[in-house]
Amino acid sequence: MSDIAEEAGVSKRTLYESFENKESLLVKILEAEYLRIDTCLDRLEVEANTALDIILLFNQKIQMSSVCDAFYKDMQRYPGAVATQAVNKKKMLSRMISLLKRGVNEGVFMPEINYDMIALMVGELVKMSPPSEVFKMYTHEEVHNTFFLLFIRGICTDNGRKVLTRYITRGYYDLLQQRPFSRIETIQENI
């Protein structure tokens, strides 16, 4: 808490006046992170053309603000934070299923696939952070991007593959020029 107070530019006492303990601070950060992600998806749904565009841009945005693996390990010591993260993941899973089904209606994803199952598989894949020792010669980003692009291409229709090819060759990153989320700013906003 001393390190956090120092980084946020407040006294430790001020920090404890705003947050009862480390867990309450962590829960607030997780709630703010989910809100940031949800807002990002809202913006992408307005600005992007198809559900596939949204998913591709969202994947890039999430990679820009990745969190170190130690954070998730440490979080396991705080049941309230784990519960908050579980609620956030459930809401995100529901949102992703809706996007996948929207993509079917738009003709970019194949209709023959059980997208509820696919969303669960992706959730399990996300748990593979850090990647297994088998992939130690590659960066986390390389492993993630390879699996992600393979997965996305596998559910795309011919039209979806055209969108994916544009994404890969031109890089659809124009919407993503914001700097990554700062957890210290969230702490300061809540004090």
C-alpha atoms as a PDB file:
ATOM      1  CA  MET A   1       0.000   0.000   0.000  1.00  0.00           C
ATOM      2  CA  SER A   2       2.969   2.314   0.631  1.00  0.00           C
ATOM      3  CA  ASP A   3       4.199   1.815  -2.936  1.00  0.00           C
ATOM      4  CA  ILE A   4       0.719   2.449  -4.335  1.00  0.00           C
ATOM      5  CA  ALA A   5       0.272   5.617  -2.250  1.00  0.00           C
ATOM      6  CA  GLU A   6       3.654   6.903  -3.341  1.00  0.00           C
ATOM      7  CA  GLU A   7       2.969   6.173  -7.025  1.00  0.00           C
ATOM      8  CA  ALA A   8      -0.487   7.815  -6.774  1.00  0.00           C
ATOM      9  CA  GLY A   9       1.012  10.867  -5.071  1.00  0.00           C
ATOM     10  CA  VAL A  10      -1.063  10.580  -1.900  1.00  0.00           C
ATOM     11  CA  SER A  11      -0.304   9.654   1.674  1.00  0.00           C
ATOM     12  CA  LYS A  12      -0.841   6.116   2.866  1.00  0.00           C
ATOM     13  CA  ARG A  13      -3.425   7.484   5.308  1.00  0.00           C
ATOM     14  CA  THR A  14      -5.363   9.116   2.460  1.00  0.00           C
ATOM     15  CA  LEU A  15      -5.294   5.844   0.581  1.00  0.00           C
ATOM     16  CA  TYR A  16      -6.698   3.978   3.601  1.00  0.00           C
ATOM     17  CA  GLU A  17      -9.405   6.636   4.015  1.00  0.00           C
ATOM     18  CA  SER A  18     -10.608   5.802   0.507  1.00  0.00           C
ATOM     19  CA  PHE A  19     -10.008   2.058   0.580  1.00  0.00           C
ATOM     20  CA  GLU A  20     -10.528  -0.088   3.659  1.00  0.00           C
ATOM     21  CA  ASN A  21      -7.790  -2.518   2.658  1.00  0.00           C
ATOM     22  CA  LYS A  22      -5.851  -3.923  -0.300  1.00  0.00           C
ATOM     23  CA  GLU A  23      -8.767  -6.085  -1.367  1.00  0.00           C
ATOM     24  CA  SER A  24     -11.209  -3.168  -1.580  1.00  0.00           C
ATOM     25  CA  LEU A  25      -8.646  -1.286  -3.681  1.00  0.00           C
ATOM     26  CA  LEU A  26      -8.188  -4.288  -5.954  1.00  0.00           C
ATOM     27  CA  VAL A  27     -11.960  -4.745  -6.360  1.00  0.00           C
ATOM     28  CA  LYS A  28     -12.307  -1.070  -7.333  1.00  0.00           C
ATOM     29  CA  ILE A  29      -9.521  -1.442  -9.900  1.00  0.00           C
ATOM     30  CA  LEU A  30     -11.148  -4.568 -11.367  1.00  0.00           C
ATOM     31  CA  GLU A  31     -14.501  -2.778 -11.592  1.00  0.00           C
ATOM     32  CA  ALA A  32     -12.858   0.195 -13.320  1.00  0.00           C
ATOM     33  CA  GLU A  33     -11.013  -2.120 -15.720  1.00  0.00           C
ATOM     34  CA  TYR A  34     -14.249  -3.879 -16.670  1.00  0.00           C
ATOM     35  CA  LEU A  35     -15.956  -0.516 -17.217  1.00  0.00           C
ATOM     36  CA  ARG A  36     -13.058   0.571 -19.447  1.00  0.00           C
ATOM     37  CA  ILE A  37     -13.298  -2.634 -21.483  1.00  0.00           C
ATOM     38  CA  ASP A  38     -17.085  -2.374 -21.715  1.00  0.00           C
ATOM     39  CA  THR A  39     -16.817   1.247 -22.862  1.00  0.00           C
ATOM     40  CA  CYS A  40     -14.223   0.246 -25.446  1.00  0.00           C
ATOM     41  CA  LEU A  41     -16.596  -2.387 -26.835  1.00  0.00           C
ATOM     42  CA  ASP A  42     -19.455   0.148 -26.894  1.00  0.00           C
ATOM     43  CA  ARG A  43     -17.303   2.547 -28.919  1.00  0.00           C
ATOM     44  CA  LEU A  44     -16.158  -0.172 -31.294  1.00  0.00           C
ATOM     45  CA  GLU A  45     -19.750  -1.307 -31.871  1.00  0.00           C
ATOM     46  CA  VAL A  46     -20.544   2.206 -33.099  1.00  0.00           C
ATOM     47  CA  GLU A  47     -17.350   2.770 -35.123  1.00  0.00           C
ATOM     48  CA  ALA A  48     -16.642  -0.662 -36.656  1.00  0.00           C
ATOM     49  CA  ASN A  49     -18.463  -2.250 -39.588  1.00  0.00           C
ATOM     50  CA  THR A  50     -18.982  -5.880 -38.568  1.00  0.00           C
ATOM     51  CA  ALA A  51     -18.810  -8.029 -35.472  1.00  0.00           C
ATOM     52  CA  LEU A  52     -15.552  -9.397 -36.869  1.00  0.00           C
ATOM     53  CA  ASP A  53     -14.089  -5.875 -37.073  1.00  0.00           C
ATOM     54  CA  ILE A  54     -15.119  -5.304 -33.450  1.00  0.00           C
ATOM     55  CA  ILE A  55     -13.529  -8.540 -32.258  1.00  0.00           C
ATOM     56  CA  LEU A  56     -10.293  -7.902 -34.163  1.00  0.00           C
ATOM     57  CA  LEU A  57      -9.981  -4.329 -32.911  1.00  0.00           C
ATOM     58  CA  PHE A  58     -10.936  -5.339 -29.372  1.00  0.00           C
ATOM     59  CA  ASN A  59      -8.269  -8.058 -29.368  1.00  0.00           C
ATOM     60  CA  GLN A  60      -5.649  -5.488 -30.348  1.00  0.00           C
ATOM     61  CA  LYS A  61      -6.850  -3.028 -27.702  1.00  0.00           C
ATOM     62  CA  ILE A  62      -6.718  -5.640 -24.952  1.00  0.00           C
ATOM     63  CA  GLN A  63      -3.153  -6.593 -25.918  1.00  0.00           C
ATOM     64  CA  MET A  64      -2.107  -2.941 -25.634  1.00  0.00           C
ATOM     65  CA  SER A  65      -3.129  -2.930 -21.977  1.00  0.00           C
ATOM     66  CA  SER A  66      -2.054  -6.381 -20.886  1.00  0.00           C
ATOM     67  CA  VAL A  67      -1.312  -7.068 -17.237  1.00  0.00           C
ATOM     68  CA  CYS A  68       1.639  -9.027 -15.924  1.00  0.00           C
ATOM     69  CA  ASP A  69       0.993 -12.629 -14.934  1.00  0.00           C
ATOM     70  CA  ALA A  70       2.023 -11.994 -11.312  1.00  0.00           C
ATOM     71  CA  PHE A  71      -1.003  -9.719 -10.888  1.00  0.00           C
ATOM     72  CA  TYR A  72      -3.409 -12.601 -11.513  1.00  0.00           C
ATOM     73  CA  LYS A  73      -1.442 -14.913  -9.229  1.00  0.00           C
ATOM     74  CA  ASP A  74      -1.520 -12.364  -6.396  1.00  0.00           C
ATOM     75  CA  MET A  75      -5.208 -11.718  -6.948  1.00  0.00           C
ATOM     76  CA  GLN A  76      -5.980 -15.308  -5.899  1.00  0.00           C
ATOM     77  CA  ARG A  77      -5.284 -14.292  -2.291  1.00  0.00           C
ATOM     78  CA  TYR A  78      -8.316 -11.970  -2.275  1.00  0.00           C
ATOM     79  CA  PRO A  79     -11.712 -13.744  -2.489  1.00  0.00           C
ATOM     80  CA  GLY A  80     -13.621 -10.507  -3.133  1.00  0.00           C
ATOM     81  CA  ALA A  81     -11.381  -9.703  -6.094  1.00  0.00           C
ATOM     82  CA  VAL A  82     -11.699 -13.242  -7.455  1.00  0.00           C
ATOM     83  CA  ALA A  83     -15.509 -12.979  -7.176  1.00  0.00           C
ATOM     84  CA  THR A  84     -15.511  -9.579  -8.919  1.00  0.00           C
ATOM     85  CA  GLN A  85     -13.339 -10.952 -11.715  1.00  0.00           C
ATOM     86  CA  ALA A  86     -15.673 -13.952 -12.113  1.00  0.00           C
ATOM     87  CA  VAL A  87     -18.686 -11.643 -12.493  1.00  0.00           C
ATOM     88  CA  ASN A  88     -16.796  -9.510 -15.012  1.00  0.00           C
ATOM     89  CA  LYS A  89     -15.769 -12.586 -17.033  1.00  0.00           C
ATOM     90  CA  LYS A  90     -19.356 -13.845 -17.083  1.00  0.00           C
ATOM     91  CA  LYS A  91     -20.612 -10.497 -18.422  1.00  0.00           C
ATOM     92  CA  MET A  92     -17.820 -10.409 -21.015  1.00  0.00           C
ATOM     93  CA  LEU A  93     -18.573 -13.993 -22.099  1.00  0.00           C
ATOM     94  CA  SER A  94     -22.202 -13.046 -22.679  1.00  0.00           C
ATOM     95  CA  ARG A  95     -21.159 -10.008 -24.689  1.00  0.00           C
ATOM     96  CA  MET A  96     -18.766 -12.078 -26.827  1.00  0.00           C
ATOM     97  CA  ILE A  97     -21.471 -14.667 -27.553  1.00  0.00           C
ATOM     98  CA  SER A  98     -23.739 -11.838 -28.728  1.00  0.00           C
ATOM     99  CA  LEU A  99     -20.983 -10.518 -30.995  1.00  0.00           C
ATOM    100  CA  LEU A 100     -20.330 -13.964 -32.462  1.00  0.00           C
ATOM    101  CA  LYS A 101     -24.035 -14.447 -33.166  1.00  0.00           C
ATOM    102  CA  ARG A 102     -24.228 -10.953 -34.662  1.00  0.00           C
ATOM    103  CA  GLY A 103     -21.375 -11.986 -36.972  1.00  0.00           C
ATOM    104  CA  VAL A 104     -23.449 -14.968 -38.135  1.00  0.00           C
ATOM    105  CA  ASN A 105     -26.302 -12.606 -39.036  1.00  0.00           C
ATOM    106  CA  GLU A 106     -23.847 -10.339 -40.865  1.00  0.00           C
ATOM    107  CA  GLY A 107     -22.456 -13.260 -42.853  1.00  0.00           C
ATOM    108  CA  VAL A 108     -18.892 -13.078 -41.496  1.00  0.00           C
ATOM    109  CA  PHE A 109     -19.116 -16.131 -39.185  1.00  0.00           C
ATOM    110  CA  MET A 110     -20.390 -19.597 -40.119  1.00  0.00           C
ATOM    111  CA  PRO A 111     -23.890 -20.385 -38.828  1.00  0.00           C
ATOM    112  CA  GLU A 112     -23.211 -24.119 -38.268  1.00  0.00           C
ATOM    113  CA  ILE A 113     -21.031 -23.528 -35.194  1.00  0.00           C
ATOM    114  CA  ASN A 114     -22.136 -23.710 -31.542  1.00  0.00           C
ATOM    115  CA  TYR A 115     -20.959 -20.270 -30.416  1.00  0.00           C
ATOM    116  CA  ASP A 116     -21.862 -20.845 -26.784  1.00  0.00           C
ATOM    117  CA  MET A 117     -19.289 -23.659 -26.788  1.00  0.00           C
ATOM    118  CA  ILE A 118     -16.769 -21.560 -28.731  1.00  0.00           C
ATOM    119  CA  ALA A 119     -17.031 -18.770 -26.150  1.00  0.00           C
ATOM    120  CA  LEU A 120     -16.335 -21.290 -23.374  1.00  0.00           C
ATOM    121  CA  MET A 121     -13.320 -22.627 -25.300  1.00  0.00           C
ATOM    122  CA  VAL A 122     -11.942 -19.107 -25.697  1.00  0.00           C
ATOM    123  CA  GLY A 123     -12.423 -18.564 -21.969  1.00  0.00           C
ATOM    124  CA  GLU A 124     -10.334 -21.658 -21.287  1.00  0.00           C
ATOM    125  CA  LEU A 125      -7.682 -20.539 -23.764  1.00  0.00           C
ATOM    126  CA  VAL A 126      -7.396 -17.217 -21.954  1.00  0.00           C
ATOM    127  CA  LYS A 127      -6.598 -19.145 -18.779  1.00  0.00           C
ATOM    128  CA  MET A 128      -3.438 -20.368 -20.534  1.00  0.00           C
ATOM    129  CA  SER A 129      -1.549 -17.286 -19.433  1.00  0.00           C
ATOM    130  CA  PRO A 130       1.354 -17.572 -19.236  1.00  0.00           C
ATOM    131  CA  PRO A 131       1.567 -20.030 -22.109  1.00  0.00           C
ATOM    132  CA  SER A 132       2.706 -23.567 -21.428  1.00  0.00           C
ATOM    133  CA  GLU A 133       6.449 -24.340 -21.341  1.00  0.00           C
ATOM    134  CA  VAL A 134       6.066 -25.839 -24.824  1.00  0.00           C
ATOM    135  CA  PHE A 135       5.819 -22.276 -26.175  1.00  0.00           C
ATOM    136  CA  LYS A 136       8.689 -20.778 -24.164  1.00  0.00           C
ATOM    137  CA  MET A 137      10.646 -19.804 -27.297  1.00  0.00           C
ATOM    138  CA  TYR A 138       7.822 -17.409 -28.274  1.00  0.00           C
ATOM    139  CA  THR A 139       6.511 -14.255 -26.625  1.00  0.00           C
ATOM    140  CA  HIS A 140       3.070 -14.288 -24.986  1.00  0.00           C
ATOM    141  CA  GLU A 141       1.903 -11.953 -27.733  1.00  0.00           C
ATOM    142  CA  GLU A 142       3.076 -14.321 -30.502  1.00  0.00           C
ATOM    143  CA  VAL A 143       1.315 -17.278 -28.867  1.00  0.00           C
ATOM    144  CA  HIS A 144      -1.879 -15.310 -28.303  1.00  0.00           C
ATOM    145  CA  ASN A 145      -1.957 -13.859 -31.833  1.00  0.00           C
ATOM    146  CA  THR A 146      -1.321 -17.216 -33.468  1.00  0.00           C
ATOM    147  CA  PHE A 147      -4.096 -18.976 -31.563  1.00  0.00           C
ATOM    148  CA  PHE A 148      -6.423 -16.001 -31.931  1.00  0.00           C
ATOM    149  CA  LEU A 149      -5.988 -15.678 -35.711  1.00  0.00           C
ATOM    150  CA  LEU A 150      -6.258 -19.437 -36.204  1.00  0.00           C
ATOM    151  CA  PHE A 151      -9.465 -19.497 -34.158  1.00  0.00           C
ATOM    152  CA  ILE A 152     -11.002 -16.495 -35.922  1.00  0.00           C
ATOM    153  CA  ARG A 153     -10.134 -17.775 -39.395  1.00  0.00           C
ATOM    154  CA  GLY A 154     -11.682 -21.129 -38.494  1.00  0.00           C
ATOM    155  CA  ILE A 155     -15.128 -19.645 -37.831  1.00  0.00           C
ATOM    156  CA  CYS A 156     -15.114 -17.142 -40.721  1.00  0.00           C
ATOM    157  CA  THR A 157     -17.149 -17.410 -43.893  1.00  0.00           C
ATOM    158  CA  ASP A 158     -15.555 -16.384 -47.199  1.00  0.00           C
ATOM    159  CA  ASN A 159     -16.720 -12.806 -46.499  1.00  0.00           C
ATOM    160  CA  GLY A 160     -15.236 -12.986 -43.015  1.00  0.00           C
ATOM    161  CA  ARG A 161     -11.902 -14.154 -44.379  1.00  0.00           C
ATOM    162  CA  LYS A 162     -11.844 -11.092 -46.666  1.00  0.00           C
ATOM    163  CA  VAL A 163     -12.293  -8.846 -43.609  1.00  0.00           C
ATOM    164  CA  LEU A 164      -9.603 -10.807 -41.758  1.00  0.00           C
ATOM    165  CA  THR A 165      -7.185 -10.483 -44.692  1.00  0.00           C
ATOM    166  CA  ARG A 166      -7.712  -6.698 -44.730  1.00  0.00           C
ATOM    167  CA  TYR A 167      -7.043  -6.621 -40.991  1.00  0.00           C
ATOM    168  CA  ILE A 168      -3.821  -8.612 -41.304  1.00  0.00           C
ATOM    169  CA  THR A 169      -2.440  -6.813 -44.359  1.00  0.00           C
ATOM    170  CA  ARG A 170      -3.368  -3.231 -43.492  1.00  0.00           C
ATOM    171  CA  GLY A 171      -3.704  -3.405 -39.717  1.00  0.00           C
ATOM    172  CA  TYR A 172      -7.023  -2.049 -38.499  1.00  0.00           C
ATOM    173  CA  TYR A 173      -5.479  -0.098 -35.628  1.00  0.00           C
ATOM    174  CA  ASP A 174      -6.603   3.443 -36.497  1.00  0.00           C
ATOM    175  CA  LEU A 175      -9.290   3.417 -33.817  1.00  0.00           C
ATOM    176  CA  LEU A 176      -6.830   2.335 -31.152  1.00  0.00           C
ATOM    177  CA  GLN A 177      -4.436   5.232 -30.772  1.00  0.00           C
ATOM    178  CA  GLN A 178      -5.277   5.833 -27.090  1.00  0.00           C
ATOM    179  CA  ARG A 179      -2.594   5.031 -24.568  1.00  0.00           C
ATOM    180  CA  PRO A 180      -3.094   1.973 -22.371  1.00  0.00           C
ATOM    181  CA  PHE A 181      -5.198   2.168 -19.224  1.00  0.00           C
ATOM    182  CA  SER A 182      -3.369   3.388 -16.129  1.00  0.00           C
ATOM    183  CA  ARG A 183      -4.335   1.776 -12.846  1.00  0.00           C
ATOM    184  CA  ILE A 184      -2.738   4.633 -10.878  1.00  0.00           C
ATOM    185  CA  GLU A 185      -5.160   7.074 -12.542  1.00  0.00           C
ATOM    186  CA  THR A 186      -8.038   4.891 -11.376  1.00  0.00           C
ATOM    187  CA  ILE A 187      -6.733   4.976  -7.834  1.00  0.00           C
ATOM    188  CA  GLN A 188      -6.454   8.760  -7.954  1.00  0.00           C
ATOM    189  CA  GLU A 189      -9.990   9.098  -9.388  1.00  0.00           C
ATOM    190  CA  ASN A 190     -11.424   7.114  -6.487  1.00  0.00           C
ATOM    191  CA  ILE A 191      -9.632   8.996  -3.685  1.00  0.00           C
END
